[in-house]
Amino acid sequence: MTVRRVMPLVQSEAVQESREFYGLLGFEEVMNHGWIVTLAPPSSPTAQISIITSDATAPVTPDLSVEVDDVDAAYAVVRASGAEIVHPLQDEEWGVRRFMVRDPNGRVVNVLSHR
């Protein structure tokens, strides 16, 4: 399993204001699903930050996303460790397969692969 990128998620109701603020630092919108907006600088498209109001299909809002090349393998390893899975492994309508797990600090990590 290989990590492709790590992205912080900022929970906020001030999506437009956040988009404008991070725009000052060179970030541009690269994805917008209404409930989550992802920003990245054109010079480094994998350096991303997402602004999220709440998760559309999960009972919790993640703090961090980790994209891996094989989410099924990541799920097997995490599940075998006994870590708390807070959202089951599933395919989402926007083209990712993901699950969520709580880390030792109580943070919710969204682990995903693009289909």
Protein backbone atom coordinates (compact mmCIF):
# COMPACT_ATOMS: atom_id res chain seq x y z
CA MET A 1 0.00 0.00 0.00
CA THR A 2 1.30 3.44 -0.96
CA VAL A 3 0.13 6.84 0.29
CA ARG A 4 -0.60 9.17 -2.62
CA ARG A 5 -1.51 12.33 -0.71
CA VAL A 6 -2.61 13.62 2.65
CA MET A 7 -5.14 16.42 2.90
CA PRO A 8 -6.38 18.36 5.94
CA LEU A 9 -10.12 18.98 6.17
CA VAL A 10 -11.32 22.15 7.86
CA GLN A 11 -14.89 21.95 9.14
CA SER A 12 -16.53 25.31 8.50
CA GLU A 13 -19.78 27.02 7.59
CA ALA A 14 -17.72 29.87 6.10
CA VAL A 15 -16.90 28.09 2.84
CA GLN A 16 -16.80 31.18 0.60
CA GLU A 17 -14.72 33.14 3.10
CA SER A 18 -12.32 30.20 3.45
CA ARG A 19 -12.03 29.87 -0.34
CA GLU A 20 -11.14 33.57 -0.54
CA PHE A 21 -8.66 33.36 2.35
CA TYR A 22 -6.77 30.38 0.93
CA GLY A 23 -6.90 32.08 -2.47
CA LEU A 24 -4.65 34.75 -0.97
CA LEU A 25 -2.06 31.98 -0.52
CA GLY A 26 -2.35 30.77 -4.11
CA PHE A 27 -5.00 28.06 -3.74
CA GLU A 28 -7.70 27.60 -6.39
CA GLU A 29 -10.85 25.50 -6.35
CA VAL A 30 -10.31 22.05 -7.88
CA MET A 31 -13.46 20.28 -6.62
CA ASN A 32 -16.83 21.42 -5.29
CA HIS A 33 -19.59 19.05 -4.20
CA GLY A 34 -21.50 21.74 -2.30
CA TRP A 35 -20.77 20.21 1.13
CA ILE A 36 -17.01 19.97 0.49
CA VAL A 37 -14.72 22.25 -1.52
CA THR A 38 -11.14 21.26 -2.30
CA LEU A 39 -8.47 23.85 -3.03
CA ALA A 40 -4.98 23.38 -4.50
CA PRO A 41 -2.24 25.60 -5.87
CA PRO A 42 -1.79 25.14 -9.66
CA SER A 43 1.96 24.70 -9.18
CA SER A 44 1.49 21.74 -6.79
CA PRO A 45 -1.89 20.06 -7.37
CA THR A 46 -1.46 17.38 -4.69
CA ALA A 47 -0.93 20.01 -1.97
CA GLN A 48 -4.60 20.33 -1.09
CA ILE A 49 -6.91 21.52 1.64
CA SER A 50 -10.65 20.90 1.83
CA ILE A 51 -13.31 23.00 3.49
CA ILE A 52 -16.20 20.79 4.65
CA THR A 53 -19.53 21.71 6.20
CA SER A 54 -20.36 18.09 7.13
CA ASP A 55 -19.93 14.75 5.43
CA ALA A 56 -22.79 13.90 3.05
CA THR A 57 -22.81 10.13 3.62
CA ALA A 58 -21.03 9.50 6.91
CA PRO A 59 -22.19 9.94 10.51
CA VAL A 60 -19.02 11.90 11.37
CA THR A 61 -17.02 14.66 9.69
CA PRO A 62 -13.39 13.70 9.04
CA ASP A 63 -10.42 15.80 10.10
CA LEU A 64 -7.99 14.41 7.55
CA SER A 65 -8.03 12.47 4.27
CA VAL A 66 -5.36 9.99 3.27
CA GLU A 67 -5.46 8.77 -0.32
CA VAL A 68 -3.87 5.36 -0.80
CA ASP A 69 -3.36 3.21 -3.88
CA ASP A 70 -5.27 0.25 -2.36
CA VAL A 71 -8.01 1.17 0.08
CA ASP A 72 -9.09 -2.45 0.50
CA ALA A 73 -5.61 -3.37 1.74
CA ALA A 74 -5.58 -0.34 4.05
CA TYR A 75 -8.98 -1.34 5.44
CA ALA A 76 -7.79 -4.90 6.13
CA VAL A 77 -4.70 -3.65 7.99
CA VAL A 78 -6.60 -1.05 10.02
CA ARG A 79 -9.43 -3.42 10.87
CA ALA A 80 -6.99 -6.15 11.97
CA SER A 81 -5.32 -3.63 14.28
CA GLY A 82 -8.54 -3.19 16.25
CA ALA A 83 -8.79 0.54 15.53
CA GLU A 84 -12.30 2.00 15.69
CA ILE A 85 -13.88 2.06 12.23
CA VAL A 86 -16.43 4.91 12.32
CA HIS A 87 -17.64 4.61 8.70
CA PRO A 88 -17.55 1.31 6.82
CA LEU A 89 -15.69 0.62 3.59
CA GLN A 90 -17.97 1.61 0.72
CA ASP A 91 -18.11 3.05 -2.77
CA GLU A 92 -19.31 6.64 -2.92
CA GLU A 93 -21.27 8.18 -5.79
CA TRP A 94 -18.54 10.77 -6.48
CA GLY A 95 -16.01 8.14 -7.51
CA VAL A 96 -14.11 7.14 -4.40
CA ARG A 97 -14.02 4.00 -2.27
CA ARG A 98 -13.42 4.89 1.36
CA PHE A 99 -13.73 4.18 5.05
CA MET A 100 -13.16 6.27 8.16
CA VAL A 101 -11.20 5.37 11.27
CA ARG A 102 -10.54 7.15 14.55
CA ASP A 103 -6.85 7.70 15.30
CA PRO A 104 -5.35 7.48 18.84
CA ASN A 105 -5.94 11.24 19.30
CA GLY A 106 -9.64 10.98 18.54
CA ARG A 107 -9.31 12.47 15.05
CA VAL A 108 -11.34 10.94 12.24
CA VAL A 109 -9.26 9.89 9.23
CA ASN A 110 -10.96 9.43 5.86
CA VAL A 111 -8.99 6.75 3.97
CA LEU A 112 -9.76 6.57 0.26
CA SER A 113 -8.83 5.50 -3.24
CA HIS A 114 -10.25 6.87 -6.45
CA ARG A 115 -12.05 4.27 -8.59
